[in-house]
Amino acid sequence: MVMVVALCILASTLPEYVAAQTAFSYQGRIETPQQQDVATVDLDFRLYTTEDGDTQLGDTQSFSDVSLVDGLFEVRLDFGDQPFETGLWLEVLIDDQVVQPRQPIKSVPLAIRALNVEGAAGSSPWEVESHGIHFDQGQVAVTNGSGSDPVLLVQGGSEGGAATFSTSAIDSHAIVGESLGPPDPEDSESFPSGVLGISEDGAGVRGVAAGDFAWAGYFDGPVRINGSLLVENSIFADDKSGFLVDIAINAGSSELSRGDVVVVTGVASEEIASDIPVPRVKVNSRPESSAVIGVIDRRFVRDEQGREELIEEPAAPGDYVSLVTLGAFSEIKVDAENEAIHAGDLLVSSPTPGHAMRAADPAPGTIIGKALADFASGRGRIPVLVNMQ
């Protein structure tokens, strides 16, 4: 009788959240010469640590009168838990005849060890201390074995999402995303992200402040918005009274510095963001000019990677500047040599380059804003409420 066994090992079908078993199904086919009709066979299975060694693991699994259907058979093998910690080779005997060679047990059946981290090895820097994966009513928790609070808790959408991550540790973060890759040098709009949120019909990223002293979002650094900003409540700033700025370009022949009153001369050909125009500005030198457009804040720069920054230094001709167009601002250059300025006075442009002065009866379109402090005489700086009219 010529017999060939083809091995097929199938994982057991287990109920959800039930610990994996050590038994597995073994299916094979026995081929015989056409003139021989074999209905049953006796089968023996032995487990070894090597392909040709003598070290047997567990007991021999024996089956008598195993039925064949077109040469096919199936048996259930169980060598216990301990053997599944090393390389495994299966020896098959058919009617006491050894089938050569032994057949290797591949790594797929060893997945039954996934719920038990004992025996983990390799080059990983992590140390195994205890069982750290737990299942409970659809939740998966990962702990460090030192307490009851999970390091990671995946709740399977119980809070309205595909997965919920939570932690109760002090000064901790449920999710930390870090991107170390550089931007694409060929794409000025390329920005690697630690966290990316995309939604077709809702919010890509949503933050909710659940406590009295919590923030729905916290940003430590510049924030860029490529699109509209809708604020449905108040805006507050810690180190400023609060003002709005636009980006402009110094189109004059002299430097611009903080507090300068400037006028518009046109629109630059390049754009900073989307299709928003960039005004061309220069220092004002005309009294009560209707071309006045705002007060200089700081120099604006963008590097090759697209990172943006405001710098406390004068902006040379051709440099970009941030331009205050609305709100309370810390300083505007004023000239009170001809008339004192009092808090509440309306301010217009002065013939002194870059300065503002008090206006008794300003014409429409010339008002820069309202003085927020007194200035008796000479030239200097005062806080201002920019509100061009």
Protein backbone atom coordinates (compact mmCIF):
# COMPACT_ATOMS: atom_id res chain seq x y z
CA MET A 1 0.00 0.00 0.00
CA VAL A 2 1.40 3.39 -1.04
CA MET A 3 0.21 6.13 1.27
CA VAL A 4 0.87 9.89 1.27
CA VAL A 5 -0.42 12.23 3.97
CA ALA A 6 -1.12 15.90 3.18
CA LEU A 7 -1.23 18.04 6.31
CA CYS A 8 -3.82 20.71 7.02
CA ILE A 9 -4.17 22.22 10.51
CA LEU A 10 -7.23 24.32 11.26
CA ALA A 11 -7.76 26.63 14.24
CA SER A 12 -10.66 25.69 16.45
CA THR A 13 -13.82 27.73 16.29
CA LEU A 14 -14.16 29.27 19.74
CA PRO A 15 -16.89 31.37 21.37
CA GLU A 16 -16.06 35.07 21.65
CA TYR A 17 -13.97 36.06 24.71
CA VAL A 18 -13.27 32.40 25.71
CA ALA A 19 -9.67 31.37 26.37
CA ALA A 20 -8.05 29.49 23.46
CA GLN A 21 -7.68 25.71 23.75
CA THR A 22 -4.59 23.60 23.00
CA ALA A 23 -6.40 21.13 20.74
CA PHE A 24 -6.42 21.57 16.96
CA SER A 25 -7.90 19.81 13.96
CA TYR A 26 -5.71 17.75 11.63
CA GLN A 27 -6.97 16.93 8.16
CA GLY A 28 -5.18 14.73 5.64
CA ARG A 29 -5.55 12.63 2.53
CA ILE A 30 -4.29 9.06 2.11
CA GLU A 31 -3.64 8.02 -1.48
CA THR A 32 -3.55 4.33 -2.38
CA PRO A 33 -3.14 2.35 -5.62
CA GLN A 34 -6.37 2.29 -7.63
CA GLN A 35 -6.86 -1.46 -7.09
CA GLN A 36 -6.88 -1.01 -3.31
CA ASP A 37 -9.97 0.23 -1.52
CA VAL A 38 -9.16 1.31 2.05
CA ALA A 39 -12.13 2.29 4.25
CA THR A 40 -10.46 2.67 7.65
CA VAL A 41 -6.96 3.04 9.04
CA ASP A 42 -5.23 3.20 12.40
CA LEU A 43 -3.39 6.48 12.98
CA ASP A 44 -0.75 7.51 15.51
CA PHE A 45 0.70 11.01 15.98
CA ARG A 46 3.87 11.88 17.88
CA LEU A 47 5.29 15.33 18.53
CA TYR A 48 9.07 15.98 18.46
CA THR A 49 11.28 19.01 19.00
CA THR A 50 13.39 18.37 15.87
CA GLU A 51 12.93 16.88 12.42
CA ASP A 52 14.94 13.72 13.16
CA GLY A 53 15.63 13.72 16.94
CA ASP A 54 14.35 11.34 19.61
CA THR A 55 12.91 13.86 22.10
CA GLN A 56 9.15 13.33 22.08
CA LEU A 57 6.80 15.89 23.60
CA GLY A 58 3.55 14.83 25.23
CA ASP A 59 1.81 11.52 24.75
CA THR A 60 1.29 9.68 21.48
CA GLN A 61 -2.15 10.42 20.05
CA SER A 62 -3.67 7.13 18.76
CA PHE A 63 -6.84 6.63 16.71
CA SER A 64 -8.27 3.26 15.64
CA ASP A 65 -10.47 2.58 12.60
CA VAL A 66 -10.46 6.16 11.32
CA SER A 67 -12.92 6.38 8.43
CA LEU A 68 -11.72 7.58 5.01
CA VAL A 69 -13.99 9.44 2.59
CA ASP A 70 -12.32 9.53 -0.82
CA GLY A 71 -9.07 9.21 1.11
CA LEU A 72 -9.83 12.18 3.38
CA PHE A 73 -9.85 12.03 7.15
CA GLU A 74 -9.93 14.39 10.12
CA VAL A 75 -8.83 13.91 13.72
CA ARG A 76 -8.48 16.25 16.68
CA LEU A 77 -5.04 16.38 18.32
CA ASP A 78 -4.23 17.67 21.78
CA PHE A 79 -0.65 17.48 23.06
CA GLY A 80 -1.37 19.80 25.98
CA ASP A 81 -0.11 23.33 26.68
CA GLN A 82 3.58 22.83 27.52
CA PRO A 83 4.78 21.52 24.16
CA PHE A 84 3.85 24.78 22.45
CA GLU A 85 7.00 26.63 23.51
CA THR A 86 9.59 25.46 20.95
CA GLY A 87 10.04 24.20 17.39
CA LEU A 88 7.64 21.34 16.68
CA TRP A 89 7.65 18.40 14.23
CA LEU A 90 4.78 15.95 13.79
CA GLU A 91 5.38 12.27 13.03
CA VAL A 92 2.49 10.31 11.52
CA LEU A 93 2.08 6.52 11.62
CA ILE A 94 -0.49 4.80 9.37
CA ASP A 95 -1.20 1.24 10.42
CA ASP A 96 2.10 1.30 12.35
CA GLN A 97 4.05 2.49 9.30
CA VAL A 98 6.01 5.75 9.80
CA VAL A 99 5.37 8.37 7.11
CA GLN A 100 8.56 10.24 6.21
CA PRO A 101 9.52 12.99 6.58
CA ARG A 102 8.16 14.50 9.77
CA GLN A 103 5.98 17.51 9.17
CA PRO A 104 6.79 20.90 10.77
CA ILE A 105 4.09 22.60 12.81
CA LYS A 106 4.07 26.17 11.51
CA SER A 107 3.67 29.29 13.66
CA VAL A 108 -0.04 29.81 12.97
CA PRO A 109 -1.26 27.25 15.52
CA LEU A 110 1.04 28.86 18.10
CA ALA A 111 -1.32 31.87 18.09
CA ILE A 112 -3.12 30.14 20.95
CA ARG A 113 -0.30 31.61 23.08
CA ALA A 114 -1.33 35.19 22.21
CA LEU A 115 -3.39 35.56 25.40
CA ASN A 116 -0.49 34.44 27.56
CA VAL A 117 2.70 36.53 27.35
CA GLU A 118 4.79 34.04 29.27
CA GLY A 119 7.57 32.71 27.10
CA ALA A 120 7.78 35.85 24.94
CA ALA A 121 11.27 36.33 23.56
CA GLY A 122 13.24 38.10 20.85
CA SER A 123 15.08 41.40 20.46
CA SER A 124 12.29 43.58 21.86
CA PRO A 125 13.37 46.00 24.65
CA TRP A 126 10.14 45.34 26.57
CA GLU A 127 10.26 43.14 29.64
CA VAL A 128 7.45 40.66 30.33
CA GLU A 129 6.33 40.83 33.95
CA SER A 130 2.75 39.60 34.05
CA HIS A 131 -0.35 38.87 32.03
CA GLY A 132 -1.41 42.30 30.76
CA ILE A 133 -4.27 41.75 28.28
CA HIS A 134 -7.77 41.43 29.68
CA PHE A 135 -11.22 40.98 28.11
CA ASP A 136 -14.52 41.95 29.73
CA GLN A 137 -17.88 42.38 27.99
CA GLY A 138 -16.51 43.65 24.72
CA GLN A 139 -13.71 45.72 26.27
CA VAL A 140 -9.98 45.08 25.89
CA ALA A 141 -7.66 46.42 28.58
CA VAL A 142 -3.85 46.48 28.70
CA THR A 143 -2.29 46.83 32.15
CA ASN A 144 1.26 46.90 33.44
CA GLY A 145 0.53 44.35 36.16
CA SER A 146 1.10 46.83 38.99
CA GLY A 147 -2.43 48.08 39.52
CA SER A 148 -6.04 47.84 38.53
CA ASP A 149 -6.13 50.92 36.28
CA PRO A 150 -5.43 50.04 32.65
CA VAL A 151 -2.62 51.66 30.70
CA LEU A 152 -4.81 51.33 27.61
CA LEU A 153 -8.54 50.64 27.45
CA VAL A 154 -10.26 49.97 24.13
CA GLN A 155 -14.01 50.06 24.70
CA GLY A 156 -15.15 48.99 21.25
CA GLY A 157 -17.25 52.04 20.43
CA SER A 158 -19.28 52.14 23.66
CA GLU A 159 -18.76 55.92 23.78
CA GLY A 160 -19.93 56.57 20.24
CA GLY A 161 -16.69 55.85 18.36
CA ALA A 162 -14.93 52.96 16.70
CA ALA A 163 -12.65 52.75 19.74
CA THR A 164 -12.21 54.71 22.95
CA PHE A 165 -8.83 55.11 24.65
CA SER A 166 -8.78 56.26 28.25
CA THR A 167 -6.34 56.67 31.11
CA SER A 168 -6.71 57.91 34.69
CA ALA A 169 -3.03 58.53 35.40
CA ILE A 170 -1.97 62.00 36.58
CA ASP A 171 -0.59 64.31 33.86
CA SER A 172 -1.12 61.65 31.20
CA HIS A 173 -2.50 61.49 27.68
CA ALA A 174 -4.94 58.92 26.32
CA ILE A 175 -3.44 59.25 22.83
CA VAL A 176 0.01 60.62 21.95
CA GLY A 177 0.91 61.11 18.29
CA GLU A 178 4.41 62.14 17.22
CA SER A 179 5.61 62.74 13.67
CA LEU A 180 9.39 62.82 13.14
CA GLY A 181 9.45 62.96 9.35
CA PRO A 182 10.29 66.21 7.52
CA PRO A 183 7.88 67.98 5.15
CA ASP A 184 8.02 67.25 1.44
CA PRO A 185 10.57 69.77 0.03
CA GLU A 186 8.72 69.69 -3.30
CA ASP A 187 5.38 70.61 -1.71
CA SER A 188 5.18 73.82 0.35
CA GLU A 189 1.76 72.74 1.64
CA SER A 190 3.08 69.42 3.00
CA PHE A 191 2.96 69.19 6.80
CA PRO A 192 3.64 65.89 8.65
CA SER A 193 1.11 65.40 11.43
CA GLY A 194 1.26 63.72 14.79
CA VAL A 195 -2.51 63.30 14.60
CA LEU A 196 -4.63 63.47 11.44
CA GLY A 197 -8.43 63.61 11.56
CA ILE A 198 -10.59 63.37 8.43
CA SER A 199 -14.37 63.53 8.25
CA GLU A 200 -16.53 63.95 5.16
CA ASP A 201 -19.63 65.25 6.94
CA GLY A 202 -18.51 66.23 10.45
CA ALA A 203 -15.50 67.35 12.47
CA GLY A 204 -12.14 65.79 11.60
CA VAL A 205 -11.00 66.30 15.20
CA ARG A 206 -13.34 67.17 18.06
CA GLY A 207 -12.44 68.19 21.60
CA VAL A 208 -14.91 68.45 24.49
CA ALA A 209 -14.16 70.10 27.82
CA ALA A 210 -15.91 67.85 30.36
CA GLY A 211 -14.77 69.64 33.53
CA ASP A 212 -14.94 73.17 34.92
CA PHE A 213 -11.19 73.72 34.51
CA ALA A 214 -10.66 71.75 31.29
CA TRP A 215 -9.82 72.92 27.78
CA ALA A 216 -11.40 71.41 24.69
CA GLY A 217 -8.11 72.11 22.90
CA TYR A 218 -4.64 73.31 23.87
CA PHE A 219 -1.97 74.42 21.39
CA ASP A 220 1.57 75.18 22.54
CA GLY A 221 2.88 77.15 19.57
CA PRO A 222 1.66 78.87 16.40
CA VAL A 223 -1.67 77.73 14.96
CA ARG A 224 -2.36 77.79 11.23
CA ILE A 225 -5.90 77.67 9.81
CA ASN A 226 -6.22 77.08 6.08
CA GLY A 227 -9.87 77.96 5.77
CA SER A 228 -12.58 79.81 7.69
CA LEU A 229 -12.64 80.29 11.47
CA LEU A 230 -16.06 80.40 13.13
CA VAL A 231 -16.16 81.59 16.74
CA GLU A 232 -19.53 81.26 18.47
CA ASN A 233 -18.46 82.81 21.78
CA SER A 234 -15.72 85.11 23.08
CA ILE A 235 -12.02 85.29 22.19
CA PHE A 236 -9.49 86.04 24.94
CA ALA A 237 -5.70 86.50 24.84
CA ASP A 238 -3.38 86.26 27.85
CA ASP A 239 -0.66 88.74 26.83
CA LYS A 240 -2.69 91.06 24.58
CA SER A 241 -5.97 92.91 24.82
CA GLY A 242 -6.96 91.15 21.64
CA PHE A 243 -6.58 92.22 18.00
CA LEU A 244 -6.82 90.86 14.48
CA VAL A 245 -4.01 90.93 11.96
CA ASP A 246 -3.53 90.46 8.23
CA ILE A 247 -0.33 89.67 6.37
CA ALA A 248 1.08 92.44 4.18
CA ILE A 249 4.34 93.12 2.34
CA ASN A 250 6.61 96.13 2.82
CA ALA A 251 6.46 97.82 -0.59
CA GLY A 252 8.20 101.01 0.55
CA SER A 253 11.83 102.08 0.53
CA SER A 254 12.28 102.17 4.33
CA GLU A 255 12.02 99.67 7.17
CA LEU A 256 8.76 99.14 9.05
CA SER A 257 8.74 98.62 12.82
CA ARG A 258 6.19 97.93 15.53
CA GLY A 259 3.66 100.75 15.90
CA ASP A 260 4.14 102.28 12.44
CA VAL A 261 1.05 103.67 10.73
CA VAL A 262 0.99 102.45 7.11
CA VAL A 263 -1.00 103.08 3.94
CA VAL A 264 -1.92 100.68 1.15
CA THR A 265 -0.33 101.01 -2.30
CA GLY A 266 -1.77 97.91 -4.04
CA VAL A 267 -1.84 94.11 -3.90
CA ALA A 268 1.14 91.76 -4.12
CA SER A 269 1.23 89.20 -6.93
CA GLU A 270 1.97 86.29 -4.54
CA GLU A 271 -0.43 84.89 -1.94
CA ILE A 272 0.27 83.62 1.57
CA ALA A 273 -2.76 81.37 2.06
CA SER A 274 -5.39 80.20 -0.39
CA ASP A 275 -6.72 83.13 -2.46
CA ILE A 276 -6.43 85.79 0.26
CA PRO A 277 -4.82 88.95 -1.21
CA VAL A 278 -1.65 90.35 0.35
CA PRO A 279 -1.70 94.19 0.56
CA ARG A 280 1.38 96.18 -0.41
CA VAL A 281 2.02 98.81 2.29
CA LYS A 282 4.48 101.58 3.10
CA VAL A 283 4.99 103.99 5.94
CA ASN A 284 2.55 106.92 5.88
CA SER A 285 3.79 110.53 5.58
CA ARG A 286 0.58 112.39 4.71
CA PRO A 287 -1.85 113.99 7.18
CA GLU A 288 -5.32 112.46 7.42
CA SER A 289 -4.70 109.99 4.60
CA SER A 290 -7.68 107.94 3.44
CA ALA A 291 -5.27 105.19 2.29
CA VAL A 292 -4.40 104.31 5.90
CA ILE A 293 -4.83 100.54 6.40
CA GLY A 294 -3.50 99.65 9.86
CA VAL A 295 -0.64 99.51 12.36
CA ILE A 296 2.47 97.30 12.05
CA ASP A 297 2.81 94.48 14.58
CA ARG A 298 5.92 92.45 13.71
CA ARG A 299 7.92 90.99 10.86
CA PHE A 300 6.38 87.81 9.41
CA VAL A 301 8.61 85.01 8.04
CA ARG A 302 8.03 81.57 6.51
CA ASP A 303 10.90 79.10 6.04
CA GLU A 304 11.38 76.52 3.27
CA GLN A 305 9.43 73.91 5.29
CA GLY A 306 6.42 76.21 5.51
CA ARG A 307 6.88 77.02 9.21
CA GLU A 308 5.68 80.55 10.07
CA GLU A 309 6.95 82.91 12.76
CA LEU A 310 6.62 86.50 13.94
CA ILE A 311 9.98 88.15 14.67
CA GLU A 312 10.66 91.17 16.89
CA GLU A 313 12.78 93.08 14.39
CA PRO A 314 12.21 95.71 11.67
CA ALA A 315 10.88 94.53 8.32
CA ALA A 316 13.08 95.56 5.41
CA PRO A 317 11.62 96.46 1.99
CA GLY A 318 10.22 93.27 0.46
CA ASP A 319 9.68 91.58 3.87
CA TYR A 320 6.28 90.41 5.06
CA VAL A 321 4.67 91.98 8.13
CA SER A 322 1.70 91.27 10.37
CA LEU A 323 -0.66 94.21 10.18
CA VAL A 324 -3.16 95.07 12.94
CA THR A 325 -6.48 95.95 11.32
CA LEU A 326 -8.90 95.64 14.24
CA GLY A 327 -8.90 95.53 18.04
CA ALA A 328 -6.92 96.71 21.04
CA PHE A 329 -3.19 96.88 20.31
CA SER A 330 -0.32 97.66 22.66
CA GLU A 331 1.26 100.56 20.79
CA ILE A 332 0.90 103.06 17.99
CA LYS A 333 3.39 105.83 17.23
CA VAL A 334 1.86 109.27 17.91
CA ASP A 335 2.85 112.91 17.38
CA ALA A 336 1.43 115.40 19.91
CA GLU A 337 3.72 118.35 19.18
CA ASN A 338 0.83 120.45 17.86
CA GLU A 339 -1.97 119.13 20.09
CA ALA A 340 -2.17 116.87 23.13
CA ILE A 341 -3.84 113.49 22.85
CA HIS A 342 -6.36 112.29 25.42
CA ALA A 343 -7.85 108.84 25.96
CA GLY A 344 -10.91 108.52 23.73
CA ASP A 345 -9.64 110.88 20.99
CA LEU A 346 -9.94 109.74 17.40
CA LEU A 347 -6.61 109.27 15.63
CA VAL A 348 -5.67 109.89 12.01
CA SER A 349 -2.38 109.77 10.12
CA SER A 350 0.19 112.49 10.80
CA PRO A 351 2.64 114.18 8.41
CA THR A 352 5.35 112.73 10.65
CA PRO A 353 6.26 109.40 8.91
CA GLY A 354 4.61 106.39 10.58
CA HIS A 355 2.85 108.44 13.27
CA ALA A 356 -0.77 109.22 14.17
CA MET A 357 -2.25 112.44 15.61
CA ARG A 358 -5.46 113.65 17.19
CA ALA A 359 -8.25 114.57 14.79
CA ALA A 360 -10.81 117.22 15.71
CA ASP A 361 -13.15 116.65 12.77
CA PRO A 362 -11.85 113.65 10.76
CA ALA A 363 -13.14 112.93 7.27
CA PRO A 364 -14.73 109.53 6.60
CA GLY A 365 -12.17 106.88 5.74
CA THR A 366 -9.27 108.58 7.55
CA ILE A 367 -9.80 107.33 11.11
CA ILE A 368 -7.26 104.77 12.34
CA GLY A 369 -8.85 104.19 15.73
CA LYS A 370 -9.25 105.56 19.24
CA ALA A 371 -6.53 106.52 21.74
CA LEU A 372 -6.54 104.43 24.92
CA ALA A 373 -4.18 106.69 26.91
CA ASP A 374 -3.18 110.35 27.27
CA PHE A 375 -0.07 111.76 25.59
CA ALA A 376 0.70 115.39 26.45
CA SER A 377 3.37 116.45 23.96
CA GLY A 378 6.15 115.36 21.69
CA ARG A 379 6.40 111.99 19.97
CA GLY A 380 6.00 108.56 21.51
CA ARG A 381 3.77 105.48 21.72
CA ILE A 382 0.38 104.79 23.31
CA PRO A 383 -2.05 101.85 23.28
CA VAL A 384 -4.78 102.11 20.69
CA LEU A 385 -8.11 100.54 19.73
CA VAL A 386 -7.69 100.02 15.98
CA ASN A 387 -11.04 100.58 14.29
CA MET A 388 -10.66 102.17 10.88
CA GLN A 389 -13.59 104.21 9.67
